[in-house]
Amino acid sequence: ELVRQGEALKRTEQMVDKMDQDLKTSQRHINSIKSVWGGLVNYFKAKPPESKPEQNGTPEYYANSRLKEAMMSSKEQESKYQECHPNLRKLDNSGLLTLFYTEYFVSSAQRDSYPKNQQLRAYHQKIDNNLDEMSSGLSRLKNLALGLQTEIDKQDDTLDRLTKKVEALDVNIKSTDKKVRQL
């Protein structure tokens, strides 16, 4: 959603820039109509540079790299998360999943640090596995939050810049409207 909003902000900023350029062109025409002297000045004055049209009419917006990395990492971890989450995993795989965790994620040194009682050992392993899953999930959330914060800061700067441009454009439009009414 933030990327979509960033694209909309970029398009809006380009439309405001185009409006400003059109307003400058109309100002030149008003000066030409208003007096002969204004027409001569405009004739010898360099024309404002025209902006190049965007290819396909839509500019590309690039979200910040931190947000992209966080989104990609989150998508990669999503399937693993669904397999491990007690409410999302399939019931018939639960025994295999526990065996998988025990074999691959618990090293022999960790196994020796558990109590001798088998029930207590299984309980400690389950707690460790749950803590590992929570750590992974929190890390994923932290990366997403940092990416979102960076994107929001970027868009906030764009909004500030856009606000200044719109305010200046509003003043110029009112001035141009006043000049047209005087003609």
N, C-alpha and C. Protein backbone atom coordinates (compact mmCIF):
# COMPACT_ATOMS: atom_id res chain seq x y z
N GLU A 1 0.83 -1.19 0.00
CA GLU A 1 0.00 0.00 0.00
C GLU A 1 0.87 1.26 0.00
N LEU A 2 1.95 1.22 0.77
CA LEU A 2 2.84 2.39 0.79
C LEU A 2 3.51 2.61 -0.57
N VAL A 3 3.86 1.54 -1.23
CA VAL A 3 4.48 1.67 -2.55
C VAL A 3 3.48 2.28 -3.52
N ARG A 4 2.21 1.83 -3.44
CA ARG A 4 1.17 2.38 -4.31
C ARG A 4 0.99 3.87 -4.02
N GLN A 5 0.98 4.23 -2.76
CA GLN A 5 0.84 5.64 -2.39
C GLN A 5 2.04 6.45 -2.86
N GLY A 6 3.23 5.85 -2.80
CA GLY A 6 4.41 6.53 -3.29
C GLY A 6 4.32 6.80 -4.79
N GLU A 7 3.79 5.83 -5.52
CA GLU A 7 3.59 6.01 -6.96
C GLU A 7 2.62 7.16 -7.22
N ALA A 8 1.54 7.20 -6.44
CA ALA A 8 0.54 8.27 -6.60
C ALA A 8 1.16 9.63 -6.29
N LEU A 9 1.98 9.70 -5.25
CA LEU A 9 2.65 10.96 -4.92
C LEU A 9 3.58 11.42 -6.04
N LYS A 10 4.31 10.47 -6.61
CA LYS A 10 5.23 10.81 -7.70
C LYS A 10 4.45 11.35 -8.91
N ARG A 11 3.35 10.68 -9.25
CA ARG A 11 2.52 11.16 -10.37
C ARG A 11 1.95 12.54 -10.07
N THR A 12 1.51 12.75 -8.85
CA THR A 12 0.94 14.04 -8.46
C THR A 12 1.99 15.14 -8.56
N GLU A 13 3.18 14.85 -8.09
CA GLU A 13 4.25 15.84 -8.17
C GLU A 13 4.57 16.19 -9.62
N GLN A 14 4.57 15.20 -10.48
CA GLN A 14 4.85 15.47 -11.89
C GLN A 14 3.72 16.28 -12.53
N MET A 15 2.49 16.02 -12.12
CA MET A 15 1.37 16.80 -12.66
C MET A 15 1.44 18.25 -12.18
N VAL A 16 1.84 18.46 -10.93
CA VAL A 16 2.00 19.83 -10.42
C VAL A 16 3.13 20.53 -11.17
N ASP A 17 4.21 19.84 -11.45
CA ASP A 17 5.30 20.43 -12.23
C ASP A 17 4.82 20.80 -13.63
N LYS A 18 4.02 19.95 -14.24
CA LYS A 18 3.48 20.24 -15.58
C LYS A 18 2.54 21.43 -15.52
N MET A 19 1.73 21.49 -14.48
CA MET A 19 0.83 22.64 -14.33
C MET A 19 1.62 23.93 -14.18
N ASP A 20 2.71 23.89 -13.45
CA ASP A 20 3.56 25.07 -13.27
C ASP A 20 4.16 25.50 -14.60
N GLN A 21 4.59 24.53 -15.38
CA GLN A 21 5.16 24.84 -16.69
C GLN A 21 4.08 25.44 -17.61
N ASP A 22 2.88 24.87 -17.57
CA ASP A 22 1.77 25.41 -18.39
C ASP A 22 1.41 26.82 -17.94
N LEU A 23 1.47 27.06 -16.65
CA LEU A 23 1.17 28.38 -16.14
C LEU A 23 2.20 29.40 -16.61
N LYS A 24 3.45 29.00 -16.66
CA LYS A 24 4.50 29.91 -17.17
C LYS A 24 4.26 30.22 -18.65
N THR A 25 3.84 29.21 -19.40
CA THR A 25 3.54 29.42 -20.82
C THR A 25 2.36 30.38 -20.97
N SER A 26 1.33 30.18 -20.16
CA SER A 26 0.17 31.07 -20.24
C SER A 26 0.55 32.49 -19.82
N GLN A 27 1.47 32.62 -18.88
CA GLN A 27 1.94 33.94 -18.46
C GLN A 27 2.63 34.64 -19.62
N ARG A 28 3.40 33.90 -20.39
CA ARG A 28 4.05 34.48 -21.58
C ARG A 28 3.01 34.96 -22.58
N HIS A 29 1.97 34.16 -22.77
CA HIS A 29 0.91 34.55 -23.73
C HIS A 29 0.15 35.78 -23.23
N ILE A 30 -0.09 35.86 -21.95
CA ILE A 30 -0.78 37.03 -21.38
C ILE A 30 0.07 38.27 -21.58
N ASN A 31 1.37 38.14 -21.36
CA ASN A 31 2.27 39.29 -21.58
C ASN A 31 2.25 39.72 -23.04
N SER A 32 2.16 38.77 -23.96
CA SER A 32 2.11 39.11 -25.39
C SER A 32 0.82 39.83 -25.73
N ILE A 33 -0.28 39.37 -25.15
CA ILE A 33 -1.57 39.98 -25.43
C ILE A 33 -1.68 41.35 -24.79
N LYS A 34 -1.13 41.49 -23.60
CA LYS A 34 -1.27 42.70 -22.80
C LYS A 34 -0.65 43.92 -23.48
N SER A 35 0.53 43.75 -24.08
CA SER A 35 1.18 44.91 -24.69
C SER A 35 2.12 44.46 -25.79
N VAL A 36 2.43 45.40 -26.65
CA VAL A 36 3.37 45.13 -27.73
C VAL A 36 4.75 44.88 -27.13
N TRP A 37 5.08 45.69 -26.13
CA TRP A 37 6.38 45.55 -25.49
C TRP A 37 6.53 44.14 -24.88
N GLY A 38 5.50 43.63 -24.23
CA GLY A 38 5.52 42.28 -23.66
C GLY A 38 5.72 41.23 -24.75
N GLY A 39 5.11 41.47 -25.92
CA GLY A 39 5.28 40.55 -27.05
C GLY A 39 6.71 40.55 -27.55
N LEU A 40 7.34 41.74 -27.62
CA LEU A 40 8.73 41.82 -28.07
C LEU A 40 9.67 41.16 -27.06
N VAL A 41 9.41 41.39 -25.78
CA VAL A 41 10.24 40.79 -24.74
C VAL A 41 10.14 39.26 -24.83
N ASN A 42 8.93 38.75 -25.00
CA ASN A 42 8.74 37.30 -25.10
C ASN A 42 9.39 36.73 -26.36
N TYR A 43 9.39 37.53 -27.44
CA TYR A 43 9.98 37.07 -28.69
C TYR A 43 11.48 36.84 -28.53
N PHE A 44 12.15 37.77 -27.85
CA PHE A 44 13.59 37.66 -27.71
C PHE A 44 14.02 36.86 -26.47
N LYS A 45 13.11 36.66 -25.57
CA LYS A 45 13.40 35.91 -24.36
C LYS A 45 13.40 34.42 -24.69
N ALA A 46 14.32 33.71 -24.08
CA ALA A 46 14.40 32.27 -24.34
C ALA A 46 13.14 31.58 -23.83
N LYS A 47 12.69 30.62 -24.61
CA LYS A 47 11.51 29.87 -24.21
C LYS A 47 11.87 28.96 -23.05
N PRO A 48 10.92 28.73 -22.15
CA PRO A 48 11.22 27.82 -21.04
C PRO A 48 11.42 26.40 -21.57
N PRO A 49 12.34 25.67 -20.99
CA PRO A 49 12.59 24.32 -21.48
C PRO A 49 11.37 23.43 -21.24
N GLU A 50 11.06 22.66 -22.26
CA GLU A 50 9.92 21.76 -22.14
C GLU A 50 10.40 20.44 -21.55
N SER A 51 9.58 19.90 -20.71
CA SER A 51 9.95 18.63 -20.10
C SER A 51 9.69 17.51 -21.09
N LYS A 52 10.51 16.50 -20.98
CA LYS A 52 10.37 15.36 -21.87
C LYS A 52 9.23 14.49 -21.37
N PRO A 53 8.35 14.03 -22.25
CA PRO A 53 7.27 13.17 -21.80
C PRO A 53 7.79 11.83 -21.32
N GLU A 54 7.15 11.30 -20.29
CA GLU A 54 7.55 9.99 -19.74
C GLU A 54 7.19 8.89 -20.71
N GLN A 55 7.97 7.85 -20.71
CA GLN A 55 7.66 6.71 -21.55
C GLN A 55 6.45 6.01 -20.97
N ASN A 56 5.53 5.62 -21.84
CA ASN A 56 4.29 4.93 -21.47
C ASN A 56 3.40 5.80 -20.58
N GLY A 57 3.73 7.06 -20.40
CA GLY A 57 2.90 7.96 -19.64
C GLY A 57 2.95 7.78 -18.13
N THR A 58 3.57 6.73 -17.64
CA THR A 58 3.61 6.52 -16.20
C THR A 58 5.05 6.37 -15.73
N PRO A 59 5.47 7.23 -14.82
CA PRO A 59 6.82 7.10 -14.29
C PRO A 59 6.88 5.95 -13.31
N GLU A 60 8.05 5.37 -13.20
CA GLU A 60 8.21 4.28 -12.24
C GLU A 60 8.59 4.86 -10.90
N TYR A 61 8.04 4.23 -9.88
CA TYR A 61 8.35 4.63 -8.51
C TYR A 61 9.13 3.51 -7.88
N TYR A 62 10.20 3.84 -7.22
CA TYR A 62 11.02 2.83 -6.58
C TYR A 62 10.94 3.01 -5.07
N ALA A 63 10.42 1.99 -4.40
CA ALA A 63 10.40 2.01 -2.94
C ALA A 63 11.83 1.89 -2.44
N ASN A 64 12.06 2.30 -1.22
CA ASN A 64 13.41 2.23 -0.71
C ASN A 64 13.87 0.79 -0.57
N SER A 65 15.16 0.59 -0.62
CA SER A 65 15.73 -0.77 -0.63
C SER A 65 15.46 -1.50 0.67
N ARG A 66 15.42 -0.78 1.77
CA ARG A 66 15.18 -1.43 3.07
C ARG A 66 13.79 -2.08 3.09
N LEU A 67 12.79 -1.39 2.56
CA LEU A 67 11.44 -1.93 2.53
C LEU A 67 11.36 -3.11 1.58
N LYS A 68 12.01 -3.01 0.42
CA LYS A 68 12.01 -4.13 -0.52
C LYS A 68 12.63 -5.38 0.09
N GLU A 69 13.77 -5.20 0.75
CA GLU A 69 14.44 -6.34 1.39
C GLU A 69 13.57 -6.96 2.48
N ALA A 70 12.93 -6.11 3.27
CA ALA A 70 12.08 -6.61 4.35
C ALA A 70 10.88 -7.37 3.79
N MET A 71 10.30 -6.86 2.72
CA MET A 71 9.14 -7.54 2.11
C MET A 71 9.56 -8.88 1.52
N MET A 72 10.71 -8.92 0.85
CA MET A 72 11.18 -10.18 0.26
C MET A 72 11.50 -11.19 1.35
N SER A 73 12.17 -10.74 2.40
CA SER A 73 12.51 -11.62 3.50
C SER A 73 11.25 -12.15 4.18
N SER A 74 10.28 -11.29 4.33
CA SER A 74 9.03 -11.70 4.98
C SER A 74 8.30 -12.74 4.13
N LYS A 75 8.29 -12.56 2.82
CA LYS A 75 7.63 -13.54 1.95
C LYS A 75 8.35 -14.88 1.98
N GLU A 76 9.69 -14.83 2.07
CA GLU A 76 10.45 -16.08 2.14
C GLU A 76 10.17 -16.82 3.44
N GLN A 77 10.02 -16.09 4.53
CA GLN A 77 9.81 -16.72 5.83
C GLN A 77 8.35 -17.11 6.06
N GLU A 78 7.45 -16.61 5.23
CA GLU A 78 6.03 -16.85 5.45
C GLU A 78 5.68 -18.33 5.38
N SER A 79 6.20 -19.05 4.38
CA SER A 79 5.87 -20.47 4.27
C SER A 79 6.44 -21.26 5.46
N LYS A 80 7.65 -20.90 5.87
CA LYS A 80 8.26 -21.57 7.03
C LYS A 80 7.43 -21.28 8.27
N TYR A 81 6.96 -20.06 8.39
CA TYR A 81 6.15 -19.67 9.54
C TYR A 81 4.84 -20.47 9.56
N GLN A 82 4.21 -20.62 8.42
CA GLN A 82 2.95 -21.35 8.37
C GLN A 82 3.15 -22.82 8.70
N GLU A 83 4.28 -23.37 8.32
CA GLU A 83 4.56 -24.77 8.64
C GLU A 83 4.77 -24.95 10.15
N CYS A 84 5.33 -23.95 10.80
CA CYS A 84 5.70 -24.07 12.22
C CYS A 84 4.60 -23.61 13.17
N HIS A 85 3.73 -22.75 12.71
CA HIS A 85 2.72 -22.19 13.61
C HIS A 85 1.73 -23.27 14.02
N PRO A 86 1.48 -23.41 15.32
CA PRO A 86 0.61 -24.49 15.79
C PRO A 86 -0.81 -24.42 15.24
N ASN A 87 -1.33 -23.24 14.97
CA ASN A 87 -2.69 -23.13 14.45
C ASN A 87 -2.76 -23.26 12.94
N LEU A 88 -1.63 -23.13 12.26
CA LEU A 88 -1.63 -23.15 10.80
C LEU A 88 -1.10 -24.45 10.20
N ARG A 89 -0.33 -25.23 10.96
CA ARG A 89 0.25 -26.43 10.39
C ARG A 89 -0.78 -27.55 10.37
N LYS A 90 -0.55 -28.49 9.50
CA LYS A 90 -1.46 -29.62 9.36
C LYS A 90 -1.26 -30.58 10.53
N LEU A 91 -2.34 -31.19 10.98
CA LEU A 91 -2.27 -32.06 12.15
C LEU A 91 -1.45 -33.32 11.91
N ASP A 92 -1.51 -33.87 10.70
CA ASP A 92 -0.78 -35.12 10.46
C ASP A 92 0.72 -34.92 10.34
N ASN A 93 1.18 -33.70 10.17
CA ASN A 93 2.62 -33.44 10.07
C ASN A 93 3.24 -33.03 11.40
N SER A 94 2.44 -32.91 12.45
CA SER A 94 2.96 -32.38 13.70
C SER A 94 4.06 -33.26 14.29
N GLY A 95 3.91 -34.57 14.20
CA GLY A 95 4.95 -35.45 14.72
C GLY A 95 6.23 -35.32 13.93
N LEU A 96 6.13 -35.24 12.61
CA LEU A 96 7.31 -35.06 11.76
C LEU A 96 7.97 -33.72 12.01
N LEU A 97 7.15 -32.71 12.24
CA LEU A 97 7.69 -31.37 12.46
C LEU A 97 8.49 -31.32 13.76
N THR A 98 7.99 -31.94 14.79
CA THR A 98 8.72 -31.97 16.07
C THR A 98 10.03 -32.72 15.91
N LEU A 99 9.98 -33.83 15.18
CA LEU A 99 11.19 -34.61 14.93
C LEU A 99 12.20 -33.78 14.13
N PHE A 100 11.71 -33.04 13.14
CA PHE A 100 12.56 -32.18 12.32
C PHE A 100 13.29 -31.16 13.18
N TYR A 101 12.55 -30.48 14.04
CA TYR A 101 13.16 -29.49 14.92
C TYR A 101 14.18 -30.13 15.86
N THR A 102 13.83 -31.27 16.39
CA THR A 102 14.73 -31.92 17.34
C THR A 102 16.03 -32.31 16.64
N GLU A 103 15.95 -32.82 15.42
CA GLU A 103 17.13 -33.30 14.72
C GLU A 103 18.01 -32.17 14.17
N TYR A 104 17.39 -31.13 13.64
CA TYR A 104 18.16 -30.12 12.93
C TYR A 104 18.45 -28.86 13.72
N PHE A 105 17.59 -28.47 14.62
CA PHE A 105 17.79 -27.20 15.31
C PHE A 105 18.36 -27.34 16.71
N VAL A 106 18.36 -28.51 17.25
CA VAL A 106 18.89 -28.70 18.59
C VAL A 106 20.21 -29.45 18.47
N SER A 107 21.30 -28.78 18.79
CA SER A 107 22.62 -29.41 18.67
C SER A 107 22.83 -30.38 19.82
N SER A 108 23.86 -31.21 19.70
CA SER A 108 24.14 -32.18 20.75
C SER A 108 24.53 -31.50 22.05
N ALA A 109 25.19 -30.35 21.98
CA ALA A 109 25.56 -29.63 23.19
C ALA A 109 24.32 -29.13 23.91
N GLN A 110 23.31 -28.69 23.12
CA GLN A 110 22.08 -28.24 23.74
C GLN A 110 21.33 -29.42 24.36
N ARG A 111 21.37 -30.57 23.71
CA ARG A 111 20.68 -31.74 24.24
C ARG A 111 21.26 -32.14 25.59
N ASP A 112 22.58 -32.01 25.74
CA ASP A 112 23.22 -32.38 26.99
C ASP A 112 22.89 -31.38 28.10
N SER A 113 22.54 -30.13 27.73
CA SER A 113 22.25 -29.14 28.75
C SER A 113 20.84 -29.28 29.30
N TYR A 114 19.99 -30.06 28.64
CA TYR A 114 18.64 -30.29 29.13
C TYR A 114 18.65 -31.26 30.31
N PRO A 115 17.62 -31.22 31.14
CA PRO A 115 17.55 -32.15 32.28
C PRO A 115 17.46 -33.61 31.80
N LYS A 116 17.75 -34.53 32.69
CA LYS A 116 17.72 -35.96 32.36
C LYS A 116 16.30 -36.48 32.20
N ASN A 117 15.35 -35.93 32.90
CA ASN A 117 13.96 -36.36 32.81
C ASN A 117 13.46 -36.12 31.38
N GLN A 118 12.93 -37.16 30.74
CA GLN A 118 12.51 -37.07 29.33
C GLN A 118 11.37 -36.08 29.14
N GLN A 119 10.41 -36.07 30.04
CA GLN A 119 9.28 -35.15 29.91
C GLN A 119 9.74 -33.70 30.08
N LEU A 120 10.60 -33.48 31.04
CA LEU A 120 11.13 -32.15 31.27
C LEU A 120 12.02 -31.71 30.10
N ARG A 121 12.79 -32.66 29.57
CA ARG A 121 13.64 -32.38 28.41
C ARG A 121 12.78 -31.98 27.21
N ALA A 122 11.72 -32.73 26.96
CA ALA A 122 10.83 -32.42 25.84
C ALA A 122 10.17 -31.05 26.04
N TYR A 123 9.80 -30.75 27.25
CA TYR A 123 9.19 -29.46 27.56
C TYR A 123 10.18 -28.32 27.31
N HIS A 124 11.42 -28.48 27.74
CA HIS A 124 12.45 -27.45 27.51
C HIS A 124 12.73 -27.29 26.01
N GLN A 125 12.77 -28.38 25.29
CA GLN A 125 12.99 -28.30 23.84
C GLN A 125 11.84 -27.57 23.16
N LYS A 126 10.63 -27.85 23.60
CA LYS A 126 9.46 -27.18 23.02
C LYS A 126 9.52 -25.69 23.30
N ILE A 127 9.90 -25.33 24.53
CA ILE A 127 10.02 -23.90 24.88
C ILE A 127 11.11 -23.25 24.04
N ASP A 128 12.25 -23.91 23.88
CA ASP A 128 13.34 -23.35 23.06
C ASP A 128 12.89 -23.17 21.62
N ASN A 129 12.18 -24.16 21.09
CA ASN A 129 11.70 -24.05 19.71
C ASN A 129 10.71 -22.90 19.57
N ASN A 130 9.83 -22.75 20.55
CA ASN A 130 8.88 -21.65 20.50
C ASN A 130 9.57 -20.31 20.60
N LEU A 131 10.59 -20.22 21.44
CA LEU A 131 11.35 -18.97 21.56
C LEU A 131 12.09 -18.65 20.26
N ASP A 132 12.63 -19.67 19.60
CA ASP A 132 13.29 -19.46 18.31
C ASP A 132 12.30 -18.94 17.28
N GLU A 133 11.09 -19.51 17.26
CA GLU A 133 10.06 -19.05 16.32
C GLU A 133 9.66 -17.61 16.63
N MET A 134 9.51 -17.30 17.91
CA MET A 134 9.17 -15.93 18.30
C MET A 134 10.27 -14.96 17.91
N SER A 135 11.51 -15.36 18.10
CA SER A 135 12.65 -14.51 17.73
C SER A 135 12.65 -14.24 16.23
N SER A 136 12.41 -15.29 15.46
CA SER A 136 12.36 -15.13 14.00
C SER A 136 11.22 -14.20 13.59
N GLY A 137 10.07 -14.38 14.21
CA GLY A 137 8.92 -13.53 13.89
C GLY A 137 9.15 -12.08 14.27
N LEU A 138 9.74 -11.87 15.44
CA LEU A 138 10.02 -10.50 15.87
C LEU A 138 11.07 -9.84 14.99
N SER A 139 12.04 -10.61 14.56
CA SER A 139 13.06 -10.07 13.65
C SER A 139 12.40 -9.65 12.34
N ARG A 140 11.51 -10.48 11.85
CA ARG A 140 10.78 -10.17 10.61
C ARG A 140 9.96 -8.90 10.78
N LEU A 141 9.25 -8.79 11.91
CA LEU A 141 8.44 -7.60 12.16
C LEU A 141 9.31 -6.35 12.29
N LYS A 142 10.46 -6.49 12.93
CA LYS A 142 11.36 -5.35 13.09
C LYS A 142 11.83 -4.86 11.73
N ASN A 143 12.24 -5.78 10.87
CA ASN A 143 12.70 -5.39 9.54
C ASN A 143 11.59 -4.72 8.74
N LEU A 144 10.37 -5.26 8.83
CA LEU A 144 9.25 -4.63 8.14
C LEU A 144 8.97 -3.24 8.69
N ALA A 145 9.02 -3.10 10.01
CA ALA A 145 8.76 -1.80 10.63
C ALA A 145 9.82 -0.77 10.22
N LEU A 146 11.09 -1.19 10.20
CA LEU A 146 12.15 -0.26 9.78
C LEU A 146 12.00 0.13 8.31
N GLY A 147 11.64 -0.83 7.48
CA GLY A 147 11.40 -0.53 6.07
C GLY A 147 10.23 0.42 5.88
N LEU A 148 9.16 0.18 6.63
CA LEU A 148 8.00 1.07 6.56
C LEU A 148 8.35 2.47 7.04
N GLN A 149 9.12 2.56 8.11
CA GLN A 149 9.51 3.86 8.64
C GLN A 149 10.34 4.63 7.61
N THR A 150 11.26 3.96 6.97
CA THR A 150 12.08 4.63 5.96
C THR A 150 11.23 5.11 4.80
N GLU A 151 10.29 4.26 4.36
CA GLU A 151 9.41 4.64 3.25
C GLU A 151 8.51 5.81 3.65
N ILE A 152 7.99 5.79 4.86
CA ILE A 152 7.13 6.88 5.33
C ILE A 152 7.93 8.18 5.41
N ASP A 153 9.16 8.12 5.89
CA ASP A 153 10.01 9.32 5.95
C ASP A 153 10.26 9.87 4.55
N LYS A 154 10.49 8.98 3.60
CA LYS A 154 10.72 9.40 2.21
C LYS A 154 9.48 10.07 1.65
N GLN A 155 8.31 9.46 1.91
CA GLN A 155 7.08 10.04 1.39
C GLN A 155 6.71 11.33 2.12
N ASP A 156 7.09 11.44 3.37
CA ASP A 156 6.85 12.67 4.12
C ASP A 156 7.63 13.83 3.49
N ASP A 157 8.87 13.56 3.10
CA ASP A 157 9.67 14.58 2.42
C ASP A 157 9.02 14.98 1.10
N THR A 158 8.51 13.98 0.38
CA THR A 158 7.84 14.25 -0.89
C THR A 158 6.60 15.10 -0.66
N LEU A 159 5.84 14.80 0.39
CA LEU A 159 4.64 15.58 0.70
C LEU A 159 5.00 17.02 1.06
N ASP A 160 6.06 17.22 1.81
CA ASP A 160 6.49 18.58 2.14
C ASP A 160 6.87 19.35 0.89
N ARG A 161 7.62 18.71 0.01
CA ARG A 161 8.03 19.34 -1.24
C ARG A 161 6.81 19.66 -2.11
N LEU A 162 5.88 18.72 -2.15
CA LEU A 162 4.66 18.89 -2.95
C LEU A 162 3.80 20.02 -2.39
N THR A 163 3.71 20.11 -1.08
CA THR A 163 2.92 21.18 -0.45
C THR A 163 3.48 22.54 -0.83
N LYS A 164 4.80 22.69 -0.78
CA LYS A 164 5.42 23.97 -1.15
C LYS A 164 5.13 24.31 -2.61
N LYS A 165 5.23 23.30 -3.49
CA LYS A 165 4.98 23.54 -4.91
C LYS A 165 3.53 23.94 -5.15
N VAL A 166 2.60 23.29 -4.47
CA VAL A 166 1.18 23.59 -4.66
C VAL A 166 0.85 24.99 -4.14
N GLU A 167 1.44 25.36 -3.01
CA GLU A 167 1.20 26.71 -2.48
C GLU A 167 1.72 27.77 -3.45
N ALA A 168 2.91 27.57 -3.99
CA ALA A 168 3.46 28.52 -4.97
C ALA A 168 2.61 28.54 -6.23
N LEU A 169 2.14 27.38 -6.65
CA LEU A 169 1.30 27.30 -7.84
C LEU A 169 -0.02 28.01 -7.60
N ASP A 170 -0.57 27.89 -6.42
CA ASP A 170 -1.83 28.56 -6.09
C ASP A 170 -1.68 30.07 -6.18
N VAL A 171 -0.57 30.60 -5.65
CA VAL A 171 -0.31 32.04 -5.73
C VAL A 171 -0.19 32.47 -7.19
N ASN A 172 0.52 31.69 -8.00
CA ASN A 172 0.70 32.03 -9.41
C ASN A 172 -0.63 31.95 -10.17
N ILE A 173 -1.46 30.99 -9.84
CA ILE A 173 -2.76 30.87 -10.52
C ILE A 173 -3.63 32.08 -10.19
N LYS A 174 -3.65 32.49 -8.93
CA LYS A 174 -4.45 33.66 -8.54
C LYS A 174 -3.94 34.91 -9.25
N SER A 175 -2.62 35.05 -9.35
CA SER A 175 -2.04 36.20 -10.04
C SER A 175 -2.40 36.18 -11.51
N THR A 176 -2.30 35.04 -12.15
CA THR A 176 -2.62 34.91 -13.57
C THR A 176 -4.10 35.17 -13.79
N ASP A 177 -4.95 34.66 -12.92
CA ASP A 177 -6.39 34.87 -13.04
C ASP A 177 -6.72 36.36 -12.94
N LYS A 178 -6.05 37.05 -12.03
CA LYS A 178 -6.26 38.48 -11.88
C LYS A 178 -5.86 39.24 -13.14
N LYS A 179 -4.73 38.84 -13.75
CA LYS A 179 -4.26 39.49 -14.98
C LYS A 179 -5.22 39.24 -16.14
N VAL A 180 -5.76 38.01 -16.20
CA VAL A 180 -6.70 37.70 -17.28
C VAL A 180 -7.97 38.51 -17.12
N ARG A 181 -8.44 38.67 -15.91
CA ARG A 181 -9.65 39.47 -15.65
C ARG A 181 -9.43 40.94 -16.01
N GLN A 182 -8.20 41.42 -15.85
CA GLN A 182 -7.91 42.81 -16.18
C GLN A 182 -7.91 43.03 -17.69
N LEU A 183 -7.64 41.98 -18.45
CA LEU A 183 -7.62 42.12 -19.91
C LEU A 183 -9.03 42.32 -20.39
